[in-house]
Amino acid sequence: MPRNAFFGTPELRKKLKAYYRQLRQIWKIHAALLNYGESAGLYVGSIQPLSGGPLLPAFPEECKGMLCGAKTRSGRPCRNDGTLFANGRCKLHGGLSTGPKSAEGKRKSAQNGWSPKRTP
């Protein structure tokens, strides 16, 4: 496999995103089943519904060993082979944060780094 393949070709990143999309759908269905059972009064006492969680698909074999590949400040690609998130990046290069969603959070983030001019 060529060296650049470890950084993820667009096809590999699409497979990784599809895998995480499928996981989100499975967990959403699982949570809905749990909520339905509790609200319908089906589970009494210590009986755990769907114990152990749902059966999940296997991680794509081609995506194992993929590196982040984001451009670092030195100009080289990131070699982090830790956990890659759904967008194919590590936690240092945008894999963890999605940014502020609420109006208050956006207002606060706009103030970051802002300071009034100092007068001598």
PDB file of N, CA and C in Angstrom:
ATOM      1  N   MET A   1       0.839  -1.175   0.000  1.00  0.00           N
ATOM      2  CA  MET A   1       0.000   0.000   0.000  1.00  0.00           C
ATOM      3  C   MET A   1       0.886   1.242   0.000  1.00  0.00           C
ATOM      4  N   PRO A   2       0.621   2.207  -0.871  1.00  0.00           N
ATOM      5  CA  PRO A   2       1.450   3.416  -0.893  1.00  0.00           C
ATOM      6  C   PRO A   2       1.366   4.191   0.417  1.00  0.00           C
ATOM      7  N   ARG A   3       2.393   4.966   0.677  1.00  0.00           N
ATOM      8  CA  ARG A   3       2.478   5.690   1.950  1.00  0.00           C
ATOM      9  C   ARG A   3       1.294   6.635   2.142  1.00  0.00           C
ATOM     10  N   ASN A   4       0.850   7.320   1.094  1.00  0.00           N
ATOM     11  CA  ASN A   4      -0.249   8.271   1.222  1.00  0.00           C
ATOM     12  C   ASN A   4      -1.575   7.600   1.537  1.00  0.00           C
ATOM     13  N   ALA A   5      -1.698   6.314   1.263  1.00  0.00           N
ATOM     14  CA  ALA A   5      -2.952   5.612   1.531  1.00  0.00           C
ATOM     15  C   ALA A   5      -3.246   5.572   3.030  1.00  0.00           C
ATOM     16  N   PHE A   6      -2.196   5.614   3.849  1.00  0.00           N
ATOM     17  CA  PHE A   6      -2.414   5.596   5.289  1.00  0.00           C
ATOM     18  C   PHE A   6      -3.038   6.891   5.791  1.00  0.00           C
ATOM     19  N   PHE A   7      -2.862   7.985   5.020  1.00  0.00           N
ATOM     20  CA  PHE A   7      -3.468   9.248   5.407  1.00  0.00           C
ATOM     21  C   PHE A   7      -4.925   9.298   4.966  1.00  0.00           C
ATOM     22  N   GLY A   8      -5.333   8.346   4.176  1.00  0.00           N
ATOM     23  CA  GLY A   8      -6.734   8.269   3.801  1.00  0.00           C
ATOM     24  C   GLY A   8      -7.033   8.931   2.476  1.00  0.00           C
ATOM     25  N   THR A   9      -7.378   8.124   1.521  1.00  0.00           N
ATOM     26  CA  THR A   9      -7.850   8.649   0.246  1.00  0.00           C
ATOM     27  C   THR A   9      -9.298   9.079   0.436  1.00  0.00           C
ATOM     28  N   PRO A  10      -9.841   9.859  -0.477  1.00  0.00           N
ATOM     29  CA  PRO A  10     -11.256  10.249  -0.338  1.00  0.00           C
ATOM     30  C   PRO A  10     -12.189   9.044  -0.231  1.00  0.00           C
ATOM     31  N   GLU A  11     -11.868   7.946  -0.904  1.00  0.00           N
ATOM     32  CA  GLU A  11     -12.710   6.744  -0.832  1.00  0.00           C
ATOM     33  C   GLU A  11     -12.678   6.133   0.570  1.00  0.00           C
ATOM     34  N   LEU A  12     -11.469   6.096   1.169  1.00  0.00           N
ATOM     35  CA  LEU A  12     -11.359   5.546   2.522  1.00  0.00           C
ATOM     36  C   LEU A  12     -12.088   6.424   3.529  1.00  0.00           C
ATOM     37  N   ARG A  13     -11.975   7.732   3.372  1.00  0.00           N
ATOM     38  CA  ARG A  13     -12.673   8.637   4.284  1.00  0.00           C
ATOM     39  C   ARG A  13     -14.186   8.471   4.141  1.00  0.00           C
ATOM     40  N   LYS A  14     -14.667   8.233   2.917  1.00  0.00           N
ATOM     41  CA  LYS A  14     -16.106   7.992   2.710  1.00  0.00           C
ATOM     42  C   LYS A  14     -16.547   6.717   3.414  1.00  0.00           C
ATOM     43  N   LYS A  15     -15.717   5.664   3.349  1.00  0.00           N
ATOM     44  CA  LYS A  15     -16.042   4.416   4.043  1.00  0.00           C
ATOM     45  C   LYS A  15     -16.090   4.625   5.548  1.00  0.00           C
ATOM     46  N   LEU A  16     -15.128   5.394   6.065  1.00  0.00           N
ATOM     47  CA  LEU A  16     -15.085   5.667   7.496  1.00  0.00           C
ATOM     48  C   LEU A  16     -16.321   6.454   7.927  1.00  0.00           C
ATOM     49  N   LYS A  17     -16.702   7.471   7.153  1.00  0.00           N
ATOM     50  CA  LYS A  17     -17.886   8.267   7.471  1.00  0.00           C
ATOM     51  C   LYS A  17     -19.152   7.418   7.398  1.00  0.00           C
ATOM     52  N   ALA A  18     -19.235   6.541   6.411  1.00  0.00           N
ATOM     53  CA  ALA A  18     -20.412   5.667   6.284  1.00  0.00           C
ATOM     54  C   ALA A  18     -20.509   4.723   7.476  1.00  0.00           C
ATOM     55  N   TYR A  19     -19.374   4.226   7.941  1.00  0.00           N
ATOM     56  CA  TYR A  19     -19.354   3.340   9.103  1.00  0.00           C
ATOM     57  C   TYR A  19     -19.891   4.069  10.337  1.00  0.00           C
ATOM     58  N   TYR A  20     -19.389   5.280  10.586  1.00  0.00           N
ATOM     59  CA  TYR A  20     -19.854   6.033  11.749  1.00  0.00           C
ATOM     60  C   TYR A  20     -21.320   6.446  11.610  1.00  0.00           C
ATOM     61  N   ARG A  21     -21.770   6.736  10.394  1.00  0.00           N
ATOM     62  CA  ARG A  21     -23.179   7.059  10.162  1.00  0.00           C
ATOM     63  C   ARG A  21     -24.064   5.865  10.514  1.00  0.00           C
ATOM     64  N   GLN A  22     -23.615   4.674  10.126  1.00  0.00           N
ATOM     65  CA  GLN A  22     -24.345   3.442  10.425  1.00  0.00           C
ATOM     66  C   GLN A  22     -24.389   3.206  11.944  1.00  0.00           C
ATOM     67  N   LEU A  23     -23.279   3.456  12.635  1.00  0.00           N
ATOM     68  CA  LEU A  23     -23.257   3.305  14.094  1.00  0.00           C
ATOM     69  C   LEU A  23     -24.260   4.242  14.764  1.00  0.00           C
ATOM     70  N   ARG A  24     -24.293   5.513  14.313  1.00  0.00           N
ATOM     71  CA  ARG A  24     -25.231   6.470  14.892  1.00  0.00           C
ATOM     72  C   ARG A  24     -26.673   6.008  14.722  1.00  0.00           C
ATOM     73  N   GLN A  25     -27.002   5.460  13.542  1.00  0.00           N
ATOM     74  CA  GLN A  25     -28.363   4.983  13.297  1.00  0.00           C
ATOM     75  C   GLN A  25     -28.713   3.815  14.219  1.00  0.00           C
ATOM     76  N   ILE A  26     -27.778   2.886  14.381  1.00  0.00           N
ATOM     77  CA  ILE A  26     -28.024   1.725  15.244  1.00  0.00           C
ATOM     78  C   ILE A  26     -28.248   2.173  16.684  1.00  0.00           C
ATOM     79  N   TRP A  27     -27.406   3.091  17.181  1.00  0.00           N
ATOM     80  CA  TRP A  27     -27.554   3.551  18.565  1.00  0.00           C
ATOM     81  C   TRP A  27     -28.825   4.359  18.753  1.00  0.00           C
ATOM     82  N   LYS A  28     -29.237   5.098  17.727  1.00  0.00           N
ATOM     83  CA  LYS A  28     -30.485   5.853  17.814  1.00  0.00           C
ATOM     84  C   LYS A  28     -31.675   4.904  17.938  1.00  0.00           C
ATOM     85  N   ILE A  29     -31.676   3.834  17.153  1.00  0.00           N
ATOM     86  CA  ILE A  29     -32.741   2.832  17.223  1.00  0.00           C
ATOM     87  C   ILE A  29     -32.720   2.146  18.589  1.00  0.00           C
ATOM     88  N   HIS A  30     -31.539   1.814  19.069  1.00  0.00           N
ATOM     89  CA  HIS A  30     -31.392   1.161  20.373  1.00  0.00           C
ATOM     90  C   HIS A  30     -31.957   2.047  21.488  1.00  0.00           C
ATOM     91  N   ALA A  31     -31.622   3.340  21.452  1.00  0.00           N
ATOM     92  CA  ALA A  31     -32.123   4.269  22.471  1.00  0.00           C
ATOM     93  C   ALA A  31     -33.645   4.391  22.383  1.00  0.00           C
ATOM     94  N   ALA A  32     -34.179   4.411  21.173  1.00  0.00           N
ATOM     95  CA  ALA A  32     -35.633   4.512  21.013  1.00  0.00           C
ATOM     96  C   ALA A  32     -36.323   3.275  21.583  1.00  0.00           C
ATOM     97  N   LEU A  33     -35.744   2.108  21.367  1.00  0.00           N
ATOM     98  CA  LEU A  33     -36.326   0.883  21.920  1.00  0.00           C
ATOM     99  C   LEU A  33     -36.301   0.900  23.441  1.00  0.00           C
ATOM    100  N   LEU A  34     -35.204   1.382  24.009  1.00  0.00           N
ATOM    101  CA  LEU A  34     -35.114   1.464  25.471  1.00  0.00           C
ATOM    102  C   LEU A  34     -36.158   2.433  26.015  1.00  0.00           C
ATOM    103  N   ASN A  35     -36.287   3.594  25.379  1.00  0.00           N
ATOM    104  CA  ASN A  35     -37.261   4.590  25.839  1.00  0.00           C
ATOM    105  C   ASN A  35     -38.682   4.075  25.701  1.00  0.00           C
ATOM    106  N   TYR A  36     -38.972   3.353  24.613  1.00  0.00           N
ATOM    107  CA  TYR A  36     -40.317   2.817  24.410  1.00  0.00           C
ATOM    108  C   TYR A  36     -40.648   1.794  25.494  1.00  0.00           C
ATOM    109  N   GLY A  37     -39.704   0.915  25.799  1.00  0.00           N
ATOM    110  CA  GLY A  37     -39.942  -0.122  26.805  1.00  0.00           C
ATOM    111  C   GLY A  37     -40.181   0.463  28.180  1.00  0.00           C
ATOM    112  N   GLU A  38     -39.415   1.495  28.543  1.00  0.00           N
ATOM    113  CA  GLU A  38     -39.588   2.113  29.852  1.00  0.00           C
ATOM    114  C   GLU A  38     -40.918   2.843  29.937  1.00  0.00           C
ATOM    115  N   SER A  39     -41.283   3.565  28.870  1.00  0.00           N
ATOM    116  CA  SER A  39     -42.527   4.335  28.916  1.00  0.00           C
ATOM    117  C   SER A  39     -43.751   3.427  28.868  1.00  0.00           C
ATOM    118  N   ALA A  40     -43.624   2.259  28.256  1.00  0.00           N
ATOM    119  CA  ALA A  40     -44.752   1.336  28.173  1.00  0.00           C
ATOM    120  C   ALA A  40     -44.858   0.457  29.416  1.00  0.00           C
ATOM    121  N   GLY A  41     -43.885   0.560  30.322  1.00  0.00           N
ATOM    122  CA  GLY A  41     -43.918  -0.224  31.546  1.00  0.00           C
ATOM    123  C   GLY A  41     -43.595  -1.692  31.321  1.00  0.00           C
ATOM    124  N   LEU A  42     -42.803  -1.982  30.282  1.00  0.00           N
ATOM    125  CA  LEU A  42     -42.482  -3.374  29.965  1.00  0.00           C
ATOM    126  C   LEU A  42     -41.395  -3.940  30.869  1.00  0.00           C
ATOM    127  N   TYR A  43     -40.547  -3.071  31.431  1.00  0.00           N
ATOM    128  CA  TYR A  43     -39.415  -3.546  32.217  1.00  0.00           C
ATOM    129  C   TYR A  43     -39.697  -3.282  33.686  1.00  0.00           C
ATOM    130  N   VAL A  44     -39.677  -4.325  34.469  1.00  0.00           N
ATOM    131  CA  VAL A  44     -39.985  -4.203  35.887  1.00  0.00           C
ATOM    132  C   VAL A  44     -38.808  -4.725  36.694  1.00  0.00           C
ATOM    133  N   GLY A  45     -38.462  -4.025  37.751  1.00  0.00           N
ATOM    134  CA  GLY A  45     -37.409  -4.483  38.650  1.00  0.00           C
ATOM    135  C   GLY A  45     -36.038  -4.431  38.006  1.00  0.00           C
ATOM    136  N   SER A  46     -35.293  -5.539  38.129  1.00  0.00           N
ATOM    137  CA  SER A  46     -33.908  -5.550  37.660  1.00  0.00           C
ATOM    138  C   SER A  46     -33.768  -6.114  36.249  1.00  0.00           C
ATOM    139  N   ILE A  47     -34.846  -6.329  35.548  1.00  0.00           N
ATOM    140  CA  ILE A  47     -34.752  -6.858  34.186  1.00  0.00           C
ATOM    141  C   ILE A  47     -34.199  -5.766  33.278  1.00  0.00           C
ATOM    142  N   GLN A  48     -33.109  -6.056  32.615  1.00  0.00           N
ATOM    143  CA  GLN A  48     -32.482  -5.078  31.726  1.00  0.00           C
ATOM    144  C   GLN A  48     -32.861  -5.383  30.276  1.00  0.00           C
ATOM    145  N   PRO A  49     -33.500  -4.456  29.592  1.00  0.00           N
ATOM    146  CA  PRO A  49     -33.847  -4.682  28.199  1.00  0.00           C
ATOM    147  C   PRO A  49     -32.613  -4.627  27.304  1.00  0.00           C
ATOM    148  N   LEU A  50     -32.525  -5.498  26.353  1.00  0.00           N
ATOM    149  CA  LEU A  50     -31.436  -5.517  25.376  1.00  0.00           C
ATOM    150  C   LEU A  50     -30.075  -5.386  26.052  1.00  0.00           C
ATOM    151  N   SER A  51     -29.856  -6.179  27.085  1.00  0.00           N
ATOM    152  CA  SER A  51     -28.615  -6.057  27.837  1.00  0.00           C
ATOM    153  C   SER A  51     -27.416  -6.315  26.930  1.00  0.00           C
ATOM    154  N   GLY A  52     -26.372  -5.538  27.146  1.00  0.00           N
ATOM    155  CA  GLY A  52     -25.150  -5.668  26.369  1.00  0.00           C
ATOM    156  C   GLY A  52     -25.111  -4.778  25.149  1.00  0.00           C
ATOM    157  N   GLY A  53     -26.191  -4.125  24.831  1.00  0.00           N
ATOM    158  CA  GLY A  53     -26.206  -3.224  23.685  1.00  0.00           C
ATOM    159  C   GLY A  53     -26.453  -3.959  22.380  1.00  0.00           C
ATOM    160  N   PRO A  54     -26.590  -3.200  21.312  1.00  0.00           N
ATOM    161  CA  PRO A  54     -26.893  -3.801  20.021  1.00  0.00           C
ATOM    162  C   PRO A  54     -25.669  -4.449  19.384  1.00  0.00           C
ATOM    163  N   LEU A  55     -25.911  -5.299  18.414  1.00  0.00           N
ATOM    164  CA  LEU A  55     -24.840  -5.917  17.650  1.00  0.00           C
ATOM    165  C   LEU A  55     -24.331  -4.900  16.635  1.00  0.00           C
ATOM    166  N   LEU A  56     -23.062  -4.556  16.719  1.00  0.00           N
ATOM    167  CA  LEU A  56     -22.494  -3.499  15.873  1.00  0.00           C
ATOM    168  C   LEU A  56     -21.714  -4.094  14.706  1.00  0.00           C
ATOM    169  N   PRO A  57     -21.665  -3.384  13.579  1.00  0.00           N
ATOM    170  CA  PRO A  57     -20.877  -3.867  12.447  1.00  0.00           C
ATOM    171  C   PRO A  57     -19.380  -3.762  12.743  1.00  0.00           C
ATOM    172  N   ALA A  58     -18.605  -4.566  12.058  1.00  0.00           N
ATOM    173  CA  ALA A  58     -17.152  -4.553  12.242  1.00  0.00           C
ATOM    174  C   ALA A  58     -16.561  -3.302  11.612  1.00  0.00           C
ATOM    175  N   PHE A  59     -15.456  -2.817  12.214  1.00  0.00           N
ATOM    176  CA  PHE A  59     -14.755  -1.654  11.669  1.00  0.00           C
ATOM    177  C   PHE A  59     -14.190  -2.033  10.310  1.00  0.00           C
ATOM    178  N   PRO A  60     -14.286  -1.142   9.303  1.00  0.00           N
ATOM    179  CA  PRO A  60     -13.774  -1.475   7.964  1.00  0.00           C
ATOM    180  C   PRO A  60     -12.285  -1.831   7.994  1.00  0.00           C
ATOM    181  N   GLU A  61     -11.958  -2.972   7.455  1.00  0.00           N
ATOM    182  CA  GLU A  61     -10.580  -3.466   7.476  1.00  0.00           C
ATOM    183  C   GLU A  61      -9.624  -2.496   6.776  1.00  0.00           C
ATOM    184  N   GLU A  62     -10.087  -1.847   5.694  1.00  0.00           N
ATOM    185  CA  GLU A  62      -9.221  -0.943   4.931  1.00  0.00           C
ATOM    186  C   GLU A  62      -8.866   0.304   5.731  1.00  0.00           C
ATOM    187  N   CYS A  63      -9.707   0.663   6.696  1.00  0.00           N
ATOM    188  CA  CYS A  63      -9.498   1.896   7.457  1.00  0.00           C
ATOM    189  C   CYS A  63      -8.605   1.690   8.675  1.00  0.00           C
ATOM    190  N   LYS A  64      -8.261   0.457   8.991  1.00  0.00           N
ATOM    191  CA  LYS A  64      -7.382   0.201  10.129  1.00  0.00           C
ATOM    192  C   LYS A  64      -5.979   0.714   9.802  1.00  0.00           C
ATOM    193  N   GLY A  65      -5.390   1.418  10.743  1.00  0.00           N
ATOM    194  CA  GLY A  65      -4.042   1.960  10.545  1.00  0.00           C
ATOM    195  C   GLY A  65      -4.023   3.285   9.815  1.00  0.00           C
ATOM    196  N   MET A  66      -5.192   3.842   9.529  1.00  0.00           N
ATOM    197  CA  MET A  66      -5.253   5.134   8.856  1.00  0.00           C
ATOM    198  C   MET A  66      -4.732   6.223   9.784  1.00  0.00           C
ATOM    199  N   LEU A  67      -3.988   7.174   9.245  1.00  0.00           N
ATOM    200  CA  LEU A  67      -3.463   8.283  10.023  1.00  0.00           C
ATOM    201  C   LEU A  67      -4.308   9.518   9.777  1.00  0.00           C
ATOM    202  N   CYS A  68      -4.192  10.484  10.682  1.00  0.00           N
ATOM    203  CA  CYS A  68      -4.982  11.711  10.581  1.00  0.00           C
ATOM    204  C   CYS A  68      -4.674  12.445   9.279  1.00  0.00           C
ATOM    205  N   GLY A  69      -3.417  12.774   9.041  1.00  0.00           N
ATOM    206  CA  GLY A  69      -3.027  13.389   7.776  1.00  0.00           C
ATOM    207  C   GLY A  69      -3.273  14.877   7.661  1.00  0.00           C
ATOM    208  N   ALA A  70      -3.800  15.534   8.700  1.00  0.00           N
ATOM    209  CA  ALA A  70      -4.018  16.976   8.639  1.00  0.00           C
ATOM    210  C   ALA A  70      -2.670  17.687   8.583  1.00  0.00           C
ATOM    211  N   LYS A  71      -2.632  18.839   7.954  1.00  0.00           N
ATOM    212  CA  LYS A  71      -1.390  19.593   7.840  1.00  0.00           C
ATOM    213  C   LYS A  71      -1.070  20.248   9.179  1.00  0.00           C
ATOM    214  N   THR A  72       0.130  19.992   9.687  1.00  0.00           N
ATOM    215  CA  THR A  72       0.543  20.561  10.963  1.00  0.00           C
ATOM    216  C   THR A  72       1.197  21.915  10.730  1.00  0.00           C
ATOM    217  N   ARG A  73       1.561  22.587  11.818  1.00  0.00           N
ATOM    218  CA  ARG A  73       2.190  23.904  11.687  1.00  0.00           C
ATOM    219  C   ARG A  73       3.539  23.819  10.992  1.00  0.00           C
ATOM    220  N   SER A  74       4.196  22.682  11.088  1.00  0.00           N
ATOM    221  CA  SER A  74       5.480  22.524  10.406  1.00  0.00           C
ATOM    222  C   SER A  74       5.303  22.240   8.916  1.00  0.00           C
ATOM    223  N   GLY A  75       4.066  22.008   8.492  1.00  0.00           N
ATOM    224  CA  GLY A  75       3.802  21.748   7.083  1.00  0.00           C
ATOM    225  C   GLY A  75       3.731  20.278   6.728  1.00  0.00           C
ATOM    226  N   ARG A  76       4.097  19.426   7.669  1.00  0.00           N
ATOM    227  CA  ARG A  76       4.037  17.983   7.435  1.00  0.00           C
ATOM    228  C   ARG A  76       2.673  17.439   7.826  1.00  0.00           C
ATOM    229  N   PRO A  77       2.306  16.271   7.297  1.00  0.00           N
ATOM    230  CA  PRO A  77       1.031  15.681   7.702  1.00  0.00           C
ATOM    231  C   PRO A  77       1.100  15.113   9.117  1.00  0.00           C
ATOM    232  N   CYS A  78       0.002  15.200   9.832  1.00  0.00           N
ATOM    233  CA  CYS A  78      -0.085  14.655  11.189  1.00  0.00           C
ATOM    234  C   CYS A  78       0.044  13.141  11.124  1.00  0.00           C
ATOM    235  N   ARG A  79       0.838  12.578  12.021  1.00  0.00           N
ATOM    236  CA  ARG A  79       1.070  11.137  12.020  1.00  0.00           C
ATOM    237  C   ARG A  79       0.319  10.454  13.155  1.00  0.00           C
ATOM    238  N   ASN A  80      -0.656  11.139  13.734  1.00  0.00           N
ATOM    239  CA  ASN A  80      -1.407  10.573  14.847  1.00  0.00           C
ATOM    240  C   ASN A  80      -2.215   9.378  14.357  1.00  0.00           C
ATOM    241  N   ASP A  81      -1.954   8.231  14.952  1.00  0.00           N
ATOM    242  CA  ASP A  81      -2.693   7.023  14.564  1.00  0.00           C
ATOM    243  C   ASP A  81      -3.642   6.605  15.672  1.00  0.00           C
ATOM    244  N   GLY A  82      -3.944   7.544  16.568  1.00  0.00           N
ATOM    245  CA  GLY A  82      -4.882   7.258  17.643  1.00  0.00           C
ATOM    246  C   GLY A  82      -6.291   7.164  17.087  1.00  0.00           C
ATOM    247  N   THR A  83      -7.247   7.404  17.932  1.00  0.00           N
ATOM    248  CA  THR A  83      -8.638   7.294  17.524  1.00  0.00           C
ATOM    249  C   THR A  83      -8.976   8.363  16.502  1.00  0.00           C
ATOM    250  N   LEU A  84      -9.437   7.933  15.353  1.00  0.00           N
ATOM    251  CA  LEU A  84      -9.936   8.866  14.353  1.00  0.00           C
ATOM    252  C   LEU A  84     -11.433   8.956  14.514  1.00  0.00           C
ATOM    253  N   PHE A  85     -11.950  10.156  14.427  1.00  0.00           N
ATOM    254  CA  PHE A  85     -13.373  10.361  14.592  1.00  0.00           C
ATOM    255  C   PHE A  85     -14.067  10.271  13.237  1.00  0.00           C
ATOM    256  N   ALA A  86     -15.361  10.525  13.224  1.00  0.00           N
ATOM    257  CA  ALA A  86     -16.179  10.317  12.027  1.00  0.00           C
ATOM    258  C   ALA A  86     -15.702  11.130  10.831  1.00  0.00           C
ATOM    259  N   ASN A  87     -15.070  12.264  11.059  1.00  0.00           N
ATOM    260  CA  ASN A  87     -14.602  13.057   9.927  1.00  0.00           C
ATOM    261  C   ASN A  87     -13.204  12.647   9.466  1.00  0.00           C
ATOM    262  N   GLY A  88     -12.625  11.628  10.090  1.00  0.00           N
ATOM    263  CA  GLY A  88     -11.323  11.123   9.668  1.00  0.00           C
ATOM    264  C   GLY A  88     -10.153  11.867  10.262  1.00  0.00           C
ATOM    265  N   ARG A  89     -10.377  12.722  11.245  1.00  0.00           N
ATOM    266  CA  ARG A  89      -9.303  13.476  11.872  1.00  0.00           C
ATOM    267  C   ARG A  89      -9.157  13.085  13.335  1.00  0.00           C
ATOM    268  N   CYS A  90      -7.978  13.369  13.886  1.00  0.00           N
ATOM    269  CA  CYS A  90      -7.735  13.080  15.297  1.00  0.00           C
ATOM    270  C   CYS A  90      -8.312  14.201  16.156  1.00  0.00           C
ATOM    271  N   LYS A  91      -8.244  14.040  17.467  1.00  0.00           N
ATOM    272  CA  LYS A  91      -8.834  15.032  18.360  1.00  0.00           C
ATOM    273  C   LYS A  91      -8.107  16.378  18.304  1.00  0.00           C
ATOM    274  N   LEU A  92      -6.870  16.379  17.856  1.00  0.00           N
ATOM    275  CA  LEU A  92      -6.117  17.624  17.780  1.00  0.00           C
ATOM    276  C   LEU A  92      -6.439  18.430  16.520  1.00  0.00           C
ATOM    277  N   HIS A  93      -6.992  17.791  15.511  1.00  0.00           N
ATOM    278  CA  HIS A  93      -7.218  18.455  14.230  1.00  0.00           C
ATOM    279  C   HIS A  93      -8.669  18.465  13.800  1.00  0.00           C
ATOM    280  N   GLY A  94      -9.560  18.622  14.742  1.00  0.00           N
ATOM    281  CA  GLY A  94     -10.957  18.820  14.389  1.00  0.00           C
ATOM    282  C   GLY A  94     -11.829  17.598  14.469  1.00  0.00           C
ATOM    283  N   GLY A  95     -11.365  16.541  15.090  1.00  0.00           N
ATOM    284  CA  GLY A  95     -12.191  15.356  15.184  1.00  0.00           C
ATOM    285  C   GLY A  95     -13.135  15.375  16.368  1.00  0.00           C
ATOM    286  N   LEU A  96     -12.907  16.238  17.332  1.00  0.00           N
ATOM    287  CA  LEU A  96     -13.690  16.202  18.554  1.00  0.00           C
ATOM    288  C   LEU A  96     -14.718  17.320  18.626  1.00  0.00           C
ATOM    289  N   SER A  97     -14.300  18.544  18.363  1.00  0.00           N
ATOM    290  CA  SER A  97     -15.195  19.680  18.533  1.00  0.00           C
ATOM    291  C   SER A  97     -15.949  19.979  17.240  1.00  0.00           C
ATOM    292  N   THR A  98     -17.216  20.313  17.399  1.00  0.00           N
ATOM    293  CA  THR A  98     -18.017  20.719  16.244  1.00  0.00           C
ATOM    294  C   THR A  98     -18.289  22.209  16.280  1.00  0.00           C
ATOM    295  N   GLY A  99     -17.737  22.896  17.268  1.00  0.00           N
ATOM    296  CA  GLY A  99     -17.938  24.324  17.392  1.00  0.00           C
ATOM    297  C   GLY A  99     -19.206  24.658  18.146  1.00  0.00           C
ATOM    298  N   PRO A 100     -19.396  25.941  18.446  1.00  0.00           N
ATOM    299  CA  PRO A 100     -20.582  26.330  19.201  1.00  0.00           C
ATOM    300  C   PRO A 100     -21.839  26.196  18.355  1.00  0.00           C
ATOM    301  N   LYS A 101     -22.935  25.774  18.980  1.00  0.00           N
ATOM    302  CA  LYS A 101     -24.209  25.608  18.281  1.00  0.00           C
ATOM    303  C   LYS A 101     -25.229  26.669  18.682  1.00  0.00           C
ATOM    304  N   SER A 102     -25.213  27.083  19.959  1.00  0.00           N
ATOM    305  CA  SER A 102     -26.208  28.042  20.417  1.00  0.00           C
ATOM    306  C   SER A 102     -25.759  29.468  20.093  1.00  0.00           C
ATOM    307  N   ALA A 103     -26.708  30.385  20.135  1.00  0.00           N
ATOM    308  CA  ALA A 103     -26.400  31.799  19.866  1.00  0.00           C
ATOM    309  C   ALA A 103     -25.454  32.345  20.930  1.00  0.00           C
ATOM    310  N   GLU A 104     -25.654  31.938  22.187  1.00  0.00           N
ATOM    311  CA  GLU A 104     -24.788  32.409  23.263  1.00  0.00           C
ATOM    312  C   GLU A 104     -23.357  31.890  23.079  1.00  0.00           C
ATOM    313  N   GLY A 105     -23.227  30.615  22.708  1.00  0.00           N
ATOM    314  CA  GLY A 105     -21.899  30.045  22.485  1.00  0.00           C
ATOM    315  C   GLY A 105     -21.177  30.712  21.329  1.00  0.00           C
ATOM    316  N   LYS A 106     -21.910  31.022  20.265  1.00  0.00           N
ATOM    317  CA  LYS A 106     -21.304  31.706  19.118  1.00  0.00           C
ATOM    318  C   LYS A 106     -20.858  33.109  19.506  1.00  0.00           C
ATOM    319  N   ARG A 107     -21.665  33.788  20.344  1.00  0.00           N
ATOM    320  CA  ARG A 107     -21.312  35.131  20.795  1.00  0.00           C
ATOM    321  C   ARG A 107     -20.046  35.084  21.643  1.00  0.00           C
ATOM    322  N   LYS A 108     -19.949  34.080  22.534  1.00  0.00           N
ATOM    323  CA  LYS A 108     -18.759  33.949  23.387  1.00  0.00           C
ATOM    324  C   LYS A 108     -17.513  33.650  22.557  1.00  0.00           C
ATOM    325  N   SER A 109     -17.641  32.767  21.568  1.00  0.00           N
ATOM    326  CA  SER A 109     -16.471  32.415  20.762  1.00  0.00           C
ATOM    327  C   SER A 109     -16.021  33.587  19.901  1.00  0.00           C
ATOM    328  N   ALA A 110     -16.943  34.474  19.537  1.00  0.00           N
ATOM    329  CA  ALA A 110     -16.568  35.651  18.756  1.00  0.00           C
ATOM    330  C   ALA A 110     -15.725  36.610  19.592  1.00  0.00           C
ATOM    331  N   GLN A 111     -15.867  36.549  20.913  1.00  0.00           N
ATOM    332  CA  GLN A 111     -15.114  37.434  21.805  1.00  0.00           C
ATOM    333  C   GLN A 111     -13.712  36.911  22.107  1.00  0.00           C
ATOM    334  N   ASN A 112     -13.423  35.661  21.751  1.00  0.00           N
ATOM    335  CA  ASN A 112     -12.106  35.089  22.037  1.00  0.00           C
ATOM    336  C   ASN A 112     -11.010  35.890  21.349  1.00  0.00           C
ATOM    337  N   GLY A 113     -10.008  36.244  22.109  1.00  0.00           N
ATOM    338  CA  GLY A 113      -8.863  36.955  21.547  1.00  0.00           C
ATOM    339  C   GLY A 113      -9.089  38.439  21.363  1.00  0.00           C
ATOM    340  N   TRP A 114     -10.297  38.930  21.624  1.00  0.00           N
ATOM    341  CA  TRP A 114     -10.569  40.347  21.448  1.00  0.00           C
ATOM    342  C   TRP A 114     -10.229  41.090  22.723  1.00  0.00           C
ATOM    343  N   SER A 115      -9.505  42.173  22.594  1.00  0.00           N
ATOM    344  CA  SER A 115      -9.226  43.027  23.758  1.00  0.00           C
ATOM    345  C   SER A 115      -9.186  44.466  23.262  1.00  0.00           C
ATOM    346  N   PRO A 116      -9.657  45.394  24.076  1.00  0.00           N
ATOM    347  CA  PRO A 116      -9.651  46.804  23.646  1.00  0.00           C
ATOM    348  C   PRO A 116      -8.226  47.337  23.533  1.00  0.00           C
ATOM    349  N   LYS A 117      -8.065  48.393  22.739  1.00  0.00           N
ATOM    350  CA  LYS A 117      -6.746  49.013  22.595  1.00  0.00           C
ATOM    351  C   LYS A 117      -6.306  49.620  23.915  1.00  0.00           C
ATOM    352  N   ARG A 118      -5.039  49.478  24.186  1.00  0.00           N
ATOM    353  CA  ARG A 118      -4.499  50.084  25.392  1.00  0.00           C
ATOM    354  C   ARG A 118      -4.093  51.524  25.076  1.00  0.00           C
ATOM    355  N   THR A 119      -4.314  52.386  26.012  1.00  0.00           N
ATOM    356  CA  THR A 119      -3.846  53.777  25.849  1.00  0.00           C
ATOM    357  C   THR A 119      -2.623  53.973  26.730  1.00  0.00           C
ATOM    358  N   PRO A 120      -1.607  54.623  26.198  1.00  0.00           N
ATOM    359  CA  PRO A 120      -0.365  54.797  27.005  1.00  0.00           C
ATOM    360  C   PRO A 120      -0.508  55.747  28.146  1.00  0.00           C
TER     361      PRO A 120
END
